Protein backbone atom coordinates (compact mmCIF):
# COMPACT_ATOMS: atom_id res chain seq x y z
CA MET A 1 89.51 85.47 92.66
CA PRO A 2 90.99 88.33 90.57
CA SER A 3 91.59 87.75 86.79
CA LYS A 4 95.12 86.53 85.56
CA GLU A 5 95.47 89.96 84.49
CA VAL A 6 94.73 91.76 87.20
CA TYR A 7 96.88 89.50 89.15
CA SER A 8 99.85 90.44 87.67
CA TRP A 9 99.72 93.99 88.84
CA LEU A 10 99.39 92.82 92.49
CA ARG A 11 102.68 92.83 94.80
CA THR A 12 101.71 89.31 96.23
CA ARG A 13 104.70 89.37 98.92
CA PHE A 14 103.01 91.98 100.68
CA PHE A 15 99.80 89.91 101.29
CA PRO A 16 97.43 89.62 103.27
CA HIS A 17 96.75 93.15 103.14
CA MET A 18 96.58 94.94 106.25
CA TRP A 19 93.26 96.13 105.69
CA CYS A 20 90.09 94.70 108.26
CA PRO A 21 88.33 92.19 106.89
CA GLY A 22 85.55 93.34 104.83
CA CYS A 23 86.83 96.93 104.66
CA GLY A 24 85.64 98.81 101.43
CA HIS A 25 88.75 99.77 100.25
CA GLY A 26 89.77 96.38 98.70
CA ILE A 27 86.80 96.54 96.72
CA ILE A 28 88.26 100.23 95.32
CA MET A 29 91.56 98.54 94.81
CA HIS A 30 90.12 95.95 92.60
CA SER A 31 87.89 98.42 90.69
CA LEU A 32 91.10 100.48 89.88
CA LEU A 33 93.20 97.47 89.00
CA ARG A 34 90.09 96.25 86.67
CA ALA A 35 90.39 99.98 85.10
CA LEU A 36 93.79 99.53 84.79
CA VAL A 37 93.74 96.13 82.99
CA ASP A 38 90.32 97.42 80.85
CA LEU A 39 92.68 100.40 79.34
CA LYS A 40 95.71 98.49 78.51
CA LYS A 41 97.96 100.54 81.05
CA ASP A 42 102.01 99.60 81.27
CA GLN A 43 103.12 99.16 84.79
CA SER A 44 106.19 101.07 84.15
CA ASN A 45 104.73 103.94 82.85
CA THR A 46 101.89 104.24 85.38
CA VAL A 47 102.16 106.16 88.87
CA ILE A 48 100.02 105.18 91.94
CA ALA A 49 100.68 108.14 94.88
CA SER A 50 99.38 108.07 98.13
CA GLY A 51 99.35 110.13 101.44
CA ILE A 52 98.98 108.75 104.81
CA GLY A 53 95.93 106.62 106.67
CA CYS A 54 94.19 103.26 105.72
CA SER A 55 93.90 104.34 101.93
CA SER A 56 97.87 105.11 101.59
CA ARG A 57 98.57 101.57 101.83
CA MET A 58 97.06 100.67 98.62
CA PRO A 59 100.03 101.34 96.38
CA GLY A 60 102.28 98.83 98.58
CA TYR A 61 99.64 96.12 96.97
CA ILE A 62 100.14 97.46 93.05
CA ASP A 63 102.77 96.67 91.07
CA ALA A 64 103.66 99.67 89.49
CA CYS A 65 105.68 102.97 90.08
CA THR A 66 104.30 103.68 93.42
CA LEU A 67 104.98 106.59 95.81
CA HIS A 68 104.03 106.67 99.74
CA THR A 69 104.15 110.35 100.78
CA THR A 70 103.35 112.30 103.54
CA HIS A 71 99.84 113.27 104.89
CA GLY A 72 97.62 115.42 102.78
CA ARG A 73 100.71 115.99 100.49
CA SER A 74 100.26 113.32 98.14
CA LEU A 75 99.13 115.71 95.29
CA GLY A 76 102.23 117.82 95.71
CA PHE A 77 104.34 114.94 94.97
CA ALA A 78 102.30 113.77 91.99
CA THR A 79 102.15 116.88 90.50
CA GLY A 80 106.05 117.26 90.66
CA ILE A 81 106.04 113.57 88.74
CA LYS A 82 103.37 114.63 86.31
CA MET A 83 105.45 117.94 85.35
CA VAL A 84 108.61 116.03 84.98
CA LYS A 85 106.99 112.88 83.00
CA PRO A 86 104.01 114.21 81.71
CA GLU A 87 103.28 111.23 79.66
CA MET A 88 102.95 109.02 82.51
CA THR A 89 99.80 107.98 83.76
CA VAL A 90 99.63 109.51 87.14
CA ILE A 91 96.85 108.15 89.84
CA ASP A 92 96.42 109.29 93.38
CA VAL A 93 94.71 107.57 96.00
CA MET A 94 93.57 109.28 99.06
CA GLY A 95 90.95 108.95 102.12
CA ASP A 96 88.70 111.93 102.95
CA GLY A 97 90.84 113.44 105.75
CA ASP A 98 93.62 113.08 104.04
CA CYS A 99 92.37 114.84 101.04
CA SER A 100 90.17 117.58 102.28
CA ALA A 101 91.76 118.57 105.77
CA ILE A 102 95.57 118.32 105.66
CA GLY A 103 95.39 118.07 102.15
CA GLY A 104 92.72 120.60 101.46
CA ASN A 105 94.61 123.22 99.90
CA HIS A 106 96.61 120.72 97.54
CA PHE A 107 93.26 119.44 96.76
CA ILE A 108 91.88 122.57 95.52
CA HIS A 109 94.86 123.90 93.55
CA ALA A 110 95.39 120.70 91.96
CA CYS A 111 91.45 121.34 90.29
CA ARG A 112 92.30 124.83 89.75
CA ARG A 113 95.30 123.75 87.59
CA ASN A 114 93.49 121.46 85.86
CA ILE A 115 96.85 119.13 85.74
CA ASP A 116 96.22 115.45 84.22
CA ILE A 117 96.07 113.48 87.17
CA THR A 118 93.38 111.10 88.17
CA ALA A 119 92.69 111.76 92.10
CA ILE A 120 90.79 108.73 93.52
CA VAL A 121 89.01 109.65 96.88
CA MET A 122 88.16 106.75 99.26
CA ASN A 123 85.48 108.50 101.49
CA ASN A 124 84.50 106.70 104.53
CA ASN A 125 83.94 109.58 106.44
CA ILE A 126 86.18 109.09 109.64
CA TYR A 127 89.91 109.04 109.82
CA GLY A 128 90.19 104.95 110.26
CA MET A 129 93.75 104.30 110.71
CA THR A 130 94.39 107.10 113.45
CA GLY A 131 91.53 106.20 116.01
CA GLY A 132 88.16 107.26 114.35
CA GLN A 133 88.14 111.26 114.43
CA ALA A 134 85.52 113.01 112.70
CA SER A 135 86.91 114.27 109.28
CA PRO A 136 85.71 116.78 107.16
CA THR A 137 82.94 114.28 105.36
CA THR A 138 81.27 113.00 108.49
CA PRO A 139 77.91 113.46 108.60
CA ALA A 140 76.65 116.10 110.86
CA GLY A 141 75.12 114.30 113.85
CA ALA A 142 77.58 110.95 113.33
CA LEU A 143 79.62 109.77 116.21
CA ALA A 144 83.14 109.79 116.07
CA THR A 145 85.88 109.72 118.95
CA THR A 146 86.30 113.27 118.52
CA ALA A 147 82.30 113.82 118.40
CA PRO A 148 80.89 111.64 121.40
CA TYR A 149 78.05 113.37 121.32
CA GLY A 150 77.24 113.70 117.62
CA ALA A 151 79.60 115.72 114.75
CA VAL A 152 78.07 119.46 114.69
CA ASP A 153 80.31 120.81 111.70
CA PRO A 154 78.80 121.26 108.45
CA THR A 155 79.91 118.33 105.79
CA PHE A 156 82.07 118.83 102.88
CA ASP A 157 80.45 117.78 99.61
CA LEU A 158 83.72 116.69 98.17
CA CYS A 159 82.36 116.77 94.35
CA ARG A 160 80.73 119.88 94.61
CA LEU A 161 84.37 121.25 96.33
CA ALA A 162 85.88 120.03 93.14
CA GLU A 163 83.76 121.48 90.49
CA GLY A 164 83.88 125.15 92.21
CA ALA A 165 87.76 124.49 92.47
CA GLY A 166 88.17 123.82 88.65
CA ALA A 167 88.32 120.03 88.20
CA THR A 168 87.26 119.21 84.83
CA PHE A 169 86.20 115.72 85.64
CA VAL A 170 83.80 115.03 88.49
CA ALA A 171 81.96 112.01 89.53
CA ARG A 172 81.00 109.85 92.53
CA SER A 173 79.92 106.21 92.97
CA THR A 174 80.07 104.06 96.22
CA ILE A 175 81.60 100.54 97.22
CA ALA A 176 78.10 98.98 96.66
CA ASN A 177 78.29 99.27 92.85
CA PRO A 178 81.93 98.61 92.18
CA LYS A 179 81.56 98.19 88.16
CA GLN A 180 80.18 101.61 88.33
CA ALA A 181 83.11 102.85 90.22
CA GLU A 182 85.21 101.31 87.64
CA LYS A 183 83.62 102.76 85.07
CA TYR A 184 83.92 106.34 86.32
CA ILE A 185 87.81 105.40 87.27
CA VAL A 186 88.29 104.19 83.26
CA ASP A 187 86.36 107.69 82.65
CA GLY A 188 88.40 109.79 85.04
CA ILE A 189 91.89 108.01 83.76
CA LYS A 190 91.02 108.79 79.99
CA HIS A 191 90.04 112.22 80.70
CA LYS A 192 92.48 114.91 79.70
CA GLY A 193 92.84 117.52 83.09
CA PHE A 194 92.31 116.91 86.62
CA SER A 195 89.85 114.06 87.30
CA VAL A 196 88.25 113.33 90.55
CA VAL A 197 86.23 110.08 91.44
CA GLU A 198 84.97 109.98 94.97
CA ILE A 199 83.92 106.94 96.05
CA ILE A 200 81.78 106.31 99.21
CA SER A 201 83.84 103.47 101.10
CA SER A 202 83.37 102.07 104.57
CA CYS A 203 84.95 101.40 107.86
CA HIS A 204 82.60 99.15 110.08
CA THR A 205 85.66 99.25 112.61
CA GLN A 206 85.81 102.76 113.61
CA PHE A 207 82.92 104.51 111.96
CA GLY A 208 80.33 101.68 111.88
CA ARG A 209 80.44 100.32 115.38
CA LYS A 210 79.65 104.13 116.65
CA ASN A 211 76.83 104.40 113.99
CA LYS A 212 74.89 101.04 113.84
CA ARG A 213 76.83 99.85 110.99
CA ARG A 214 79.05 97.39 112.60
CA THR A 215 79.71 94.63 109.97
CA PRO A 216 80.88 94.93 106.55
CA ILE A 217 77.13 93.78 104.85
CA SER A 218 75.40 96.56 106.85
CA ASN A 219 77.39 98.65 105.52
CA ILE A 220 76.68 97.64 101.86
CA GLU A 221 73.05 97.64 102.65
CA PHE A 222 73.06 100.97 103.94
CA LEU A 223 74.97 102.22 101.02
CA LYS A 224 72.55 100.41 98.47
CA SER A 225 69.22 101.99 100.47
CA ALA A 226 70.69 105.68 100.84
CA THR A 227 71.96 105.75 97.20
CA VAL A 228 70.34 107.85 94.48
CA THR A 229 71.18 108.71 90.92
CA LYS A 230 71.88 112.76 89.92
CA GLU A 231 68.76 112.22 87.70
CA LYS A 232 66.65 111.18 90.17
CA ALA A 233 68.28 113.62 92.56
CA LYS A 234 66.48 116.31 90.65
CA GLU A 235 62.99 115.19 91.32
CA MET A 236 63.54 115.35 95.13
CA SER A 237 63.04 118.06 97.38
CA PRO A 238 65.86 118.74 99.99
CA GLU A 239 64.25 117.03 102.72
CA GLU A 240 63.96 114.22 100.90
CA LEU A 241 67.63 114.35 99.83
CA TYR A 242 68.77 114.74 103.39
CA GLY A 243 71.33 111.97 104.33
CA ARG A 244 71.06 110.56 100.63
CA ILE A 245 74.16 109.87 98.78
CA VAL A 246 74.17 111.30 95.17
CA VAL A 247 76.16 109.20 92.65
CA GLY A 248 76.89 110.20 89.04
CA GLU A 249 79.25 112.12 86.65
CA PHE A 250 78.96 115.54 87.65
CA VAL A 251 81.43 117.15 85.36
CA ASN A 252 82.88 116.35 82.38
CA LYS A 253 84.33 119.09 80.37
CA THR A 254 87.19 120.33 78.16
CA ALA A 255 89.72 123.01 79.11
CA PRO A 256 93.29 123.47 78.90
CA GLU A 257 95.66 120.98 80.77
CA TYR A 258 98.61 122.62 83.11
CA THR A 259 101.44 120.48 81.74
CA GLU A 260 100.54 121.34 78.22
CA GLN A 261 100.24 125.08 78.93
CA TYR A 262 103.79 124.66 80.83
CA LEU A 263 105.40 123.08 77.82
CA ALA A 264 104.46 125.61 75.63
CA MET A 265 105.30 128.57 77.81
CA THR A 266 108.66 127.12 78.23
CA LYS A 267 109.35 126.41 74.60
CA LYS A 268 108.37 129.97 73.42
CA VAL A 269 110.40 131.43 76.10
CA ARG A 270 113.62 129.10 74.91
CA GLU A 271 112.69 129.91 71.40
CA GLY A 272 112.99 133.84 71.98
């Protein structure tokens, strides 16, 4: 059961939720809500945005300023909100396909701008809501409705993509370690700049039933066995790292934040 403080952030009139029983997205939502409580955030000054997909339903259950937008475009909407109301805490929740396929351009340019938004990428390696198609993060060889003989496309490493594009805070956790996920969400929200927190989730309904992980607990057990810390990964060969999930904080640096730069520029222009 959620604590009284966490419960106050829920729109209980919309429950029960639409996620499949055992979906990892519920674990991520609880981690996010605990983070918001830990940070003593004001519900009326917190924005939760999303695009389309299973992950995008999350804002509907959170009692804050919420925005359900179009597929892949949620960071564009979130950017507009942050530009107009830079004092607000802006969080964007998205799936791996929503973020890195149709939304890929928005993602890399939000990283490049270093705008003060926290992007929580709920990566379940599949398009869950629309039928189980392969996404840019589907592991090579994994089965999907659009890859009945196994995916052959190279897989995006979303954390490396974010780092290369300029994000100033990048971290990864899994639903098998919700307290670590909560810590990274807290750190990402506190960070001044564009923060990417990738949380490896699970979809036993679409991904798991085709890839020998049919139950919620089998997904949790897999994630526990496959996870290695970034410190341990440094000691491992590429062969040993194959199929592993490296977790940790990969980037945490200071750089000029976009809205502050923009406001300073416009002030300078106005003052002549």
